[in-house]
PDB file of N, CA and C in Angstrom:
ATOM      1  N   MET A   1       0.847  -0.960  -0.070  1.00  0.00           N
ATOM      2  CA  MET A   1      -0.153  -0.181   0.036  1.00  0.00           C
ATOM      3  C   MET A   1       0.984   1.668  -0.328  1.00  0.00           C
ATOM      4  N   GLY A   2       0.658   2.021  -0.778  1.00  0.00           N
ATOM      5  CA  GLY A   2       1.433   2.912  -0.789  1.00  0.00           C
ATOM      6  C   GLY A   2       1.516   3.798  -0.381  1.00  0.00           C
ATOM      7  N   HIS A   3       1.675   5.661  -0.376  1.00  0.00           N
ATOM      8  CA  HIS A   3       1.538   6.682   0.264  1.00  0.00           C
ATOM      9  C   HIS A   3       0.310   7.819  -0.038  1.00  0.00           C
ATOM     10  N   SER A   4       0.573   7.480  -1.471  1.00  0.00           N
ATOM     11  CA  SER A   4      -1.170   8.166  -2.258  1.00  0.00           C
ATOM     12  C   SER A   4      -2.619   7.395  -1.941  1.00  0.00           C
ATOM     13  N   ASN A   5      -1.993   5.643  -1.932  1.00  0.00           N
ATOM     14  CA  ASN A   5      -3.695   5.253  -1.834  1.00  0.00           C
ATOM     15  C   ASN A   5      -3.977   5.222  -0.073  1.00  0.00           C
ATOM     16  N   ILE A   6      -3.446   4.699   0.461  1.00  0.00           N
ATOM     17  CA  ILE A   6      -3.376   5.236   2.435  1.00  0.00           C
ATOM     18  C   ILE A   6      -3.747   7.338   2.272  1.00  0.00           C
ATOM     19  N   TRP A   7      -3.562   7.785   2.011  1.00  0.00           N
ATOM     20  CA  TRP A   7      -3.222   9.311   2.072  1.00  0.00           C
ATOM     21  C   TRP A   7      -4.930   9.752   1.927  1.00  0.00           C
ATOM     22  N   ASN A   8      -5.385   9.284   0.576  1.00  0.00           N
ATOM     23  CA  ASN A   8      -6.962   9.539   0.151  1.00  0.00           C
ATOM     24  C   ASN A   8      -7.955   8.656  -0.504  1.00  0.00           C
ATOM     25  N   SER A   9      -7.117   7.654   0.693  1.00  0.00           N
ATOM     26  CA  SER A   9      -8.534   6.679   1.269  1.00  0.00           C
ATOM     27  C   SER A   9      -9.720   7.254   1.901  1.00  0.00           C
ATOM     28  N   HIS A  10      -9.993   7.730   2.587  1.00  0.00           N
ATOM     29  CA  HIS A  10     -10.996   8.769   3.278  1.00  0.00           C
ATOM     30  C   HIS A  10     -11.181  10.078   2.442  1.00  0.00           C
ATOM     31  N   PRO A  11     -12.802   9.785   2.510  1.00  0.00           N
ATOM     32  CA  PRO A  11     -13.174  11.016   1.524  1.00  0.00           C
ATOM     33  C   PRO A  11     -13.331  11.963   2.551  1.00  0.00           C
ATOM     34  N   LYS A  12     -12.597  13.461   2.334  1.00  0.00           N
ATOM     35  CA  LYS A  12     -12.637  14.888   2.957  1.00  0.00           C
ATOM     36  C   LYS A  12     -13.759  15.568   3.325  1.00  0.00           C
ATOM     37  N   THR A  13     -13.919  15.099   4.635  1.00  0.00           N
ATOM     38  CA  THR A  13     -15.537  16.779   4.488  1.00  0.00           C
ATOM     39  C   THR A  13     -15.208  17.488   5.653  1.00  0.00           C
ATOM     40  N   TYR A  14     -13.556  17.921   6.013  1.00  0.00           N
ATOM     41  CA  TYR A  14     -13.335  19.233   6.625  1.00  0.00           C
ATOM     42  C   TYR A  14     -12.587  20.315   6.458  1.00  0.00           C
ATOM     43  N   GLY A  15     -11.863  21.101   6.360  1.00  0.00           N
ATOM     44  CA  GLY A  15     -11.485  21.583   6.194  1.00  0.00           C
ATOM     45  C   GLY A  15     -10.816  22.605   5.004  1.00  0.00           C
ATOM     46  N   PRO A  16     -10.124  23.741   4.066  1.00  0.00           N
ATOM     47  CA  PRO A  16     -10.159  23.294   2.883  1.00  0.00           C
ATOM     48  C   PRO A  16     -10.400  23.159   2.565  1.00  0.00           C
ATOM     49  N   GLY A  17      -9.583  21.839   1.942  1.00  0.00           N
ATOM     50  CA  GLY A  17     -10.011  21.387   0.951  1.00  0.00           C
ATOM     51  C   GLY A  17     -10.898  20.002   0.668  1.00  0.00           C
ATOM     52  N   SER A  18     -11.476  20.352   1.329  1.00  0.00           N
ATOM     53  CA  SER A  18     -13.677  20.036   1.453  1.00  0.00           C
ATOM     54  C   SER A  18     -13.880  20.554   0.388  1.00  0.00           C
ATOM     55  N   ARG A  19     -14.453  21.941   0.294  1.00  0.00           N
ATOM     56  CA  ARG A  19     -14.789  23.199  -0.278  1.00  0.00           C
ATOM     57  C   ARG A  19     -13.901  23.340  -0.772  1.00  0.00           C
ATOM     58  N   THR A  20     -15.236  23.617  -2.670  1.00  0.00           N
ATOM     59  CA  THR A  20     -14.811  23.814  -3.807  1.00  0.00           C
ATOM     60  C   THR A  20     -15.800  25.225  -3.928  1.00  0.00           C
ATOM     61  N   CYS A  21     -15.397  25.540  -4.431  1.00  0.00           N
ATOM     62  CA  CYS A  21     -16.157  26.762  -5.510  1.00  0.00           C
ATOM     63  C   CYS A  21     -17.909  26.153  -6.764  1.00  0.00           C
ATOM     64  N   ARG A  22     -19.135  26.509  -6.071  1.00  0.00           N
ATOM     65  CA  ARG A  22     -20.223  26.260  -6.400  1.00  0.00           C
ATOM     66  C   ARG A  22     -20.544  26.296  -7.358  1.00  0.00           C
ATOM     67  N   VAL A  23     -19.479  27.011  -8.218  1.00  0.00           N
ATOM     68  CA  VAL A  23     -19.478  27.425  -9.793  1.00  0.00           C
ATOM     69  C   VAL A  23     -19.018  27.454 -10.775  1.00  0.00           C
ATOM     70  N   CYS A  24     -17.920  27.421  -9.960  1.00  0.00           N
ATOM     71  CA  CYS A  24     -16.677  27.027 -10.705  1.00  0.00           C
ATOM     72  C   CYS A  24     -15.826  24.909 -10.694  1.00  0.00           C
ATOM     73  N   GLY A  25     -15.294  25.627 -10.159  1.00  0.00           N
ATOM     74  CA  GLY A  25     -14.780  24.210  -8.998  1.00  0.00           C
ATOM     75  C   GLY A  25     -14.135  23.942  -7.856  1.00  0.00           C
ATOM     76  N   ASN A  26     -13.476  25.666  -7.973  1.00  0.00           N
ATOM     77  CA  ASN A  26     -12.052  25.694  -8.303  1.00  0.00           C
ATOM     78  C   ASN A  26     -11.835  25.512  -6.757  1.00  0.00           C
ATOM     79  N   PRO A  27     -11.140  24.949  -6.256  1.00  0.00           N
ATOM     80  CA  PRO A  27     -11.368  24.831  -4.764  1.00  0.00           C
ATOM     81  C   PRO A  27     -10.210  25.960  -3.903  1.00  0.00           C
ATOM     82  N   HIS A  28     -10.004  26.803  -4.703  1.00  0.00           N
ATOM     83  CA  HIS A  28      -8.856  27.961  -3.886  1.00  0.00           C
ATOM     84  C   HIS A  28     -10.105  29.279  -4.151  1.00  0.00           C
ATOM     85  N   ALA A  29      -8.507  30.275  -2.601  1.00  0.00           N
ATOM     86  CA  ALA A  29      -9.975  31.761  -2.570  1.00  0.00           C
ATOM     87  C   ALA A  29     -11.431  30.895  -2.343  1.00  0.00           C
ATOM     88  N   ILE A  30     -11.937  30.680  -1.571  1.00  0.00           N
ATOM     89  CA  ILE A  30     -13.724  30.446  -1.275  1.00  0.00           C
ATOM     90  C   ILE A  30     -13.562  30.988  -0.308  1.00  0.00           C
ATOM     91  N   ILE A  31     -14.901  32.156  -0.607  1.00  0.00           N
ATOM     92  CA  ILE A  31     -15.591  33.173   0.557  1.00  0.00           C
ATOM     93  C   ILE A  31     -17.081  32.359   0.897  1.00  0.00           C
ATOM     94  N   ARG A  32     -17.040  31.995   1.979  1.00  0.00           N
ATOM     95  CA  ARG A  32     -17.858  31.234   2.439  1.00  0.00           C
ATOM     96  C   ARG A  32     -18.908  31.574   3.517  1.00  0.00           C
ATOM     97  N   LYS A  33     -18.594  33.556   3.686  1.00  0.00           N
ATOM     98  CA  LYS A  33     -19.355  34.315   4.090  1.00  0.00           C
ATOM     99  C   LYS A  33     -21.019  34.365   3.458  1.00  0.00           C
ATOM    100  N   TYR A  34     -21.687  34.614   4.748  1.00  0.00           N
ATOM    101  CA  TYR A  34     -22.766  34.078   4.257  1.00  0.00           C
ATOM    102  C   TYR A  34     -23.208  33.150   3.604  1.00  0.00           C
ATOM    103  N   GLY A  35     -22.536  31.933   3.201  1.00  0.00           N
ATOM    104  CA  GLY A  35     -22.618  30.751   2.619  1.00  0.00           C
ATOM    105  C   GLY A  35     -22.746  30.480   1.140  1.00  0.00           C
ATOM    106  N   LEU A  36     -21.943  31.435   1.155  1.00  0.00           N
ATOM    107  CA  LEU A  36     -21.753  31.638  -1.011  1.00  0.00           C
ATOM    108  C   LEU A  36     -20.850  30.778  -1.827  1.00  0.00           C
ATOM    109  N   MET A  37     -19.743  29.993  -0.745  1.00  0.00           N
ATOM    110  CA  MET A  37     -19.399  29.120  -1.459  1.00  0.00           C
ATOM    111  C   MET A  37     -19.125  29.044  -2.660  1.00  0.00           C
ATOM    112  N   CYS A  38     -18.629  30.486  -2.909  1.00  0.00           N
ATOM    113  CA  CYS A  38     -18.522  30.284  -3.792  1.00  0.00           C
ATOM    114  C   CYS A  38     -15.997  31.392  -4.386  1.00  0.00           C
ATOM    115  N   CYS A  39     -15.331  30.731  -5.539  1.00  0.00           N
ATOM    116  CA  CYS A  39     -14.068  31.762  -5.123  1.00  0.00           C
ATOM    117  C   CYS A  39     -14.551  33.192  -5.492  1.00  0.00           C
ATOM    118  N   ARG A  40     -13.277  33.812  -5.313  1.00  0.00           N
ATOM    119  CA  ARG A  40     -14.309  35.750  -5.329  1.00  0.00           C
ATOM    120  C   ARG A  40     -13.658  35.728  -6.390  1.00  0.00           C
ATOM    121  N   GLN A  41     -13.052  34.536  -8.172  1.00  0.00           N
ATOM    122  CA  GLN A  41     -13.079  35.516  -9.223  1.00  0.00           C
ATOM    123  C   GLN A  41     -14.937  35.213  -9.552  1.00  0.00           C
ATOM    124  N   CYS A  42     -15.491  34.204  -9.408  1.00  0.00           N
ATOM    125  CA  CYS A  42     -17.325  33.839  -9.714  1.00  0.00           C
ATOM    126  C   CYS A  42     -17.114  35.123  -8.327  1.00  0.00           C
ATOM    127  N   PHE A  43     -16.767  35.866  -7.804  1.00  0.00           N
ATOM    128  CA  PHE A  43     -18.270  36.602  -6.966  1.00  0.00           C
ATOM    129  C   PHE A  43     -17.808  38.330  -7.559  1.00  0.00           C
ATOM    130  N   ARG A  44     -16.921  38.144  -7.879  1.00  0.00           N
ATOM    131  CA  ARG A  44     -16.471  39.255  -8.351  1.00  0.00           C
ATOM    132  C   ARG A  44     -17.379  39.776  -9.512  1.00  0.00           C
ATOM    133  N   SER A  45     -17.473  37.991 -10.321  1.00  0.00           N
ATOM    134  CA  SER A  45     -18.163  38.434 -11.855  1.00  0.00           C
ATOM    135  C   SER A  45     -19.680  38.082 -11.770  1.00  0.00           C
ATOM    136  N   ASN A  46     -20.368  37.996 -10.176  1.00  0.00           N
ATOM    137  CA  ASN A  46     -21.594  37.810  -9.785  1.00  0.00           C
ATOM    138  C   ASN A  46     -22.198  38.321  -9.224  1.00  0.00           C
ATOM    139  N   ALA A  47     -21.188  39.492  -8.725  1.00  0.00           N
ATOM    140  CA  ALA A  47     -21.995  40.288  -7.089  1.00  0.00           C
ATOM    141  C   ALA A  47     -22.886  40.516  -7.526  1.00  0.00           C
ATOM    142  N   LYS A  48     -23.342  41.659  -8.828  1.00  0.00           N
ATOM    143  CA  LYS A  48     -24.509  42.331  -8.541  1.00  0.00           C
ATOM    144  C   LYS A  48     -25.817  41.986  -8.906  1.00  0.00           C
ATOM    145  N   GLU A  49     -25.730  40.296  -9.373  1.00  0.00           N
ATOM    146  CA  GLU A  49     -26.648  39.833 -10.472  1.00  0.00           C
ATOM    147  C   GLU A  49     -26.916  39.803  -8.255  1.00  0.00           C
ATOM    148  N   ILE A  50     -26.751  38.862  -7.663  1.00  0.00           N
ATOM    149  CA  ILE A  50     -26.435  38.698  -6.416  1.00  0.00           C
ATOM    150  C   ILE A  50     -27.088  39.809  -5.644  1.00  0.00           C
ATOM    151  N   GLY A  51     -26.713  41.202  -5.636  1.00  0.00           N
ATOM    152  CA  GLY A  51     -27.126  42.130  -4.821  1.00  0.00           C
ATOM    153  C   GLY A  51     -25.891  42.566  -4.185  1.00  0.00           C
ATOM    154  N   PHE A  52     -25.024  43.106  -3.647  1.00  0.00           N
ATOM    155  CA  PHE A  52     -24.646  42.997  -3.653  1.00  0.00           C
ATOM    156  C   PHE A  52     -23.525  43.943  -4.720  1.00  0.00           C
ATOM    157  N   ILE A  53     -23.146  45.643  -3.479  1.00  0.00           N
ATOM    158  CA  ILE A  53     -23.061  46.992  -3.571  1.00  0.00           C
ATOM    159  C   ILE A  53     -21.538  46.920  -3.845  1.00  0.00           C
ATOM    160  N   LYS A  54     -20.768  48.054  -4.604  1.00  0.00           N
ATOM    161  CA  LYS A  54     -19.428  47.782  -3.811  1.00  0.00           C
ATOM    162  C   LYS A  54     -19.241  49.068  -2.320  1.00  0.00           C
ATOM    163  N   VAL A  55     -18.854  49.153  -1.918  1.00  0.00           N
ATOM    164  CA  VAL A  55     -18.975  49.537  -0.653  1.00  0.00           C
ATOM    165  C   VAL A  55     -18.706  51.109  -0.426  1.00  0.00           C
ATOM    166  N   ARG A  56     -16.715  51.043  -1.791  1.00  0.00           N
ATOM    167  CA  ARG A  56     -16.491  52.575  -2.166  1.00  0.00           C
ATOM    168  C   ARG A  56     -17.468  53.476  -2.885  1.00  0.00           C
ATOM    169  N   ASP A  57     -18.481  52.906  -4.213  1.00  0.00           N
ATOM    170  CA  ASP A  57     -19.522  53.408  -4.411  1.00  0.00           C
ATOM    171  C   ASP A  57     -20.224  53.341  -3.778  1.00  0.00           C
ATOM    172  N   PHE A  58     -20.821  53.586  -2.934  1.00  0.00           N
ATOM    173  CA  PHE A  58     -21.908  53.567  -2.199  1.00  0.00           C
ATOM    174  C   PHE A  58     -21.446  55.305  -1.741  1.00  0.00           C
ATOM    175  N   PHE A  59     -20.752  54.948  -0.598  1.00  0.00           N
ATOM    176  CA  PHE A  59     -20.299  56.287   0.220  1.00  0.00           C
ATOM    177  C   PHE A  59     -19.956  57.254  -0.783  1.00  0.00           C
ATOM    178  N   PHE A  60     -19.133  56.925  -2.265  1.00  0.00           N
ATOM    179  CA  PHE A  60     -17.944  58.381  -2.236  1.00  0.00           C
ATOM    180  C   PHE A  60     -19.991  59.384  -3.043  1.00  0.00           C
ATOM    181  N   HIS A  61     -20.872  58.072  -3.736  1.00  0.00           N
ATOM    182  CA  HIS A  61     -21.983  58.157  -3.852  1.00  0.00           C
ATOM    183  C   HIS A  61     -23.097  59.305  -2.998  1.00  0.00           C
ATOM    184  N   PHE A  62     -23.238  58.819  -1.657  1.00  0.00           N
ATOM    185  CA  PHE A  62     -23.322  59.255  -0.485  1.00  0.00           C
ATOM    186  C   PHE A  62     -23.125  59.888  -0.607  1.00  0.00           C
ATOM    187  N   CYS A  63     -21.461  60.708   0.476  1.00  0.00           N
ATOM    188  CA  CYS A  63     -20.104  61.227   0.317  1.00  0.00           C
ATOM    189  C   CYS A  63     -20.807  62.259  -0.511  1.00  0.00           C
ATOM    190  N   PHE A  64     -20.768  62.530  -1.874  1.00  0.00           N
ATOM    191  CA  PHE A  64     -20.551  63.399  -2.885  1.00  0.00           C
ATOM    192  C   PHE A  64     -21.974  64.138  -3.124  1.00  0.00           C
ATOM    193  N   TRP A  65     -23.251  63.765  -2.607  1.00  0.00           N
ATOM    194  CA  TRP A  65     -24.596  64.063  -2.782  1.00  0.00           C
ATOM    195  C   TRP A  65     -24.257  64.758  -1.128  1.00  0.00           C
ATOM    196  N   SER A  66     -23.673  64.783  -0.129  1.00  0.00           N
ATOM    197  CA  SER A  66     -23.517  65.337   1.305  1.00  0.00           C
ATOM    198  C   SER A  66     -23.136  66.558   1.626  1.00  0.00           C
ATOM    199  N   PHE A  67     -22.007  66.356   1.359  1.00  0.00           N
ATOM    200  CA  PHE A  67     -21.163  67.501   0.371  1.00  0.00           C
ATOM    201  C   PHE A  67     -21.573  68.385  -0.339  1.00  0.00           C
ATOM    202  N   ILE A  68     -22.577  68.966  -1.774  1.00  0.00           N
ATOM    203  CA  ILE A  68     -23.297  69.596  -2.810  1.00  0.00           C
ATOM    204  C   ILE A  68     -24.446  69.904  -1.415  1.00  0.00           C
ATOM    205  N   ARG A  69     -25.168  68.943  -0.789  1.00  0.00           N
ATOM    206  CA  ARG A  69     -25.897  69.663   1.107  1.00  0.00           C
ATOM    207  C   ARG A  69     -25.859  71.561   1.183  1.00  0.00           C
ATOM    208  N   THR A  70     -23.867  70.431   1.444  1.00  0.00           N
ATOM    209  CA  THR A  70     -23.534  71.785   3.450  1.00  0.00           C
ATOM    210  C   THR A  70     -23.424  72.221   2.187  1.00  0.00           C
ATOM    211  N   VAL A  71     -22.937  72.123   0.723  1.00  0.00           N
ATOM    212  CA  VAL A  71     -22.265  73.569  -0.124  1.00  0.00           C
ATOM    213  C   VAL A  71     -23.834  74.299  -0.566  1.00  0.00           C
ATOM    214  N   TYR A  72     -24.151  73.554  -0.181  1.00  0.00           N
ATOM    215  CA  TYR A  72     -25.687  74.638  -0.644  1.00  0.00           C
ATOM    216  C   TYR A  72     -25.876  75.199   0.855  1.00  0.00           C
ATOM    217  N   VAL A  73     -25.533  74.991   1.698  1.00  0.00           N
ATOM    218  CA  VAL A  73     -26.791  75.357   2.124  1.00  0.00           C
ATOM    219  C   VAL A  73     -25.918  76.401   3.529  1.00  0.00           C
ATOM    220  N   VAL A  74     -23.909  76.587   2.944  1.00  0.00           N
ATOM    221  CA  VAL A  74     -23.070  76.880   3.800  1.00  0.00           C
ATOM    222  C   VAL A  74     -23.172  77.998   2.647  1.00  0.00           C
ATOM    223  N   PHE A  75     -23.704  78.343   1.046  1.00  0.00           N
ATOM    224  CA  PHE A  75     -23.922  79.245   0.621  1.00  0.00           C
ATOM    225  C   PHE A  75     -24.599  79.379   1.171  1.00  0.00           C
ATOM    226  N   SER A  76     -26.197  79.648   0.324  1.00  0.00           N
ATOM    227  CA  SER A  76     -27.254  80.314   1.873  1.00  0.00           C
ATOM    228  C   SER A  76     -27.076  80.914   2.749  1.00  0.00           C
ATOM    229  N   ILE A  77     -27.075  80.218   3.565  1.00  0.00           N
ATOM    230  CA  ILE A  77     -25.994  80.903   5.237  1.00  0.00           C
ATOM    231  C   ILE A  77     -25.885  81.682   4.856  1.00  0.00           C
ATOM    232  N   PHE A  78     -24.621  81.943   3.910  1.00  0.00           N
ATOM    233  CA  PHE A  78     -23.111  83.641   4.131  1.00  0.00           C
ATOM    234  C   PHE A  78     -24.704  85.182   3.266  1.00  0.00           C
ATOM    235  N   PHE A  79     -25.537  84.542   2.138  1.00  0.00           N
ATOM    236  CA  PHE A  79     -25.556  85.346   1.051  1.00  0.00           C
ATOM    237  C   PHE A  79     -27.344  85.406   1.985  1.00  0.00           C
ATOM    238  N   ARG A  80     -27.822  84.846   2.816  1.00  0.00           N
ATOM    239  CA  ARG A  80     -28.660  84.781   3.692  1.00  0.00           C
ATOM    240  C   ARG A  80     -29.757  85.336   2.363  1.00  0.00           C
ATOM    241  N   THR A  81     -29.733  83.612   1.716  1.00  0.00           N
ATOM    242  CA  THR A  81     -30.930  82.386   1.455  1.00  0.00           C
ATOM    243  C   THR A  81     -32.164  81.812   2.148  1.00  0.00           C
ATOM    244  N   CYS A  82     -32.826  81.895   1.804  1.00  0.00           N
ATOM    245  CA  CYS A  82     -33.800  80.613   2.762  1.00  0.00           C
ATOM    246  C   CYS A  82     -33.495  78.981   1.634  1.00  0.00           C
ATOM    247  N   THR A  83     -32.361  78.656   3.088  1.00  0.00           N
ATOM    248  CA  THR A  83     -32.096  76.702   2.983  1.00  0.00           C
ATOM    249  C   THR A  83     -33.389  76.641   2.579  1.00  0.00           C
ATOM    250  N   CYS A  84     -34.625  75.934   2.526  1.00  0.00           N
ATOM    251  CA  CYS A  84     -34.581  74.417   2.992  1.00  0.00           C
ATOM    252  C   CYS A  84     -35.814  74.712   1.712  1.00  0.00           C
ATOM    253  N   CYS A  85     -36.127  75.912   0.660  1.00  0.00           N
ATOM    254  CA  CYS A  85     -36.310  75.091  -1.036  1.00  0.00           C
ATOM    255  C   CYS A  85     -34.935  74.918  -1.121  1.00  0.00           C
ATOM    256  N   ILE A  86     -33.694  75.677  -0.850  1.00  0.00           N
ATOM    257  CA  ILE A  86     -32.361  74.842  -1.633  1.00  0.00           C
ATOM    258  C   ILE A  86     -32.526  73.244  -1.811  1.00  0.00           C
ATOM    259  N   VAL A  87     -32.370  72.449  -0.875  1.00  0.00           N
ATOM    260  CA  VAL A  87     -32.074  71.699   0.220  1.00  0.00           C
ATOM    261  C   VAL A  87     -33.311  70.699  -0.484  1.00  0.00           C
ATOM    262  N   ARG A  88     -34.380  71.236  -1.064  1.00  0.00           N
ATOM    263  CA  ARG A  88     -36.128  70.106  -1.270  1.00  0.00           C
ATOM    264  C   ARG A  88     -35.490  70.122  -2.386  1.00  0.00           C
ATOM    265  N   GLU A  89     -34.620  70.986  -3.132  1.00  0.00           N
ATOM    266  CA  GLU A  89     -34.399  70.484  -4.895  1.00  0.00           C
ATOM    267  C   GLU A  89     -33.630  69.124  -5.240  1.00  0.00           C
ATOM    268  N   LEU A  90     -32.461  69.151  -3.874  1.00  0.00           N
ATOM    269  CA  LEU A  90     -31.784  67.957  -3.880  1.00  0.00           C
ATOM    270  C   LEU A  90     -32.386  66.517  -3.880  1.00  0.00           C
TER     271      LEU A  90
END
């Protein structure tokens, strides 16, 4: 009985060698969080379909509009115009 026969004689049911990507079968770089069980490459290609949003894009959009609102409010306070009309337009 050789080394490979003994080494692979039992099925692996635990550890990193027991998990593969459910999309492509790749055993490396598996994302297990939230029960995804797919590799990072498949996750990147299917993230929008699954419903994930890039945090960087979300925060950029949010921070950009909050910055614009702040600029309008500061501008209106400086020139003594009505702030409620300007902020409502956004």
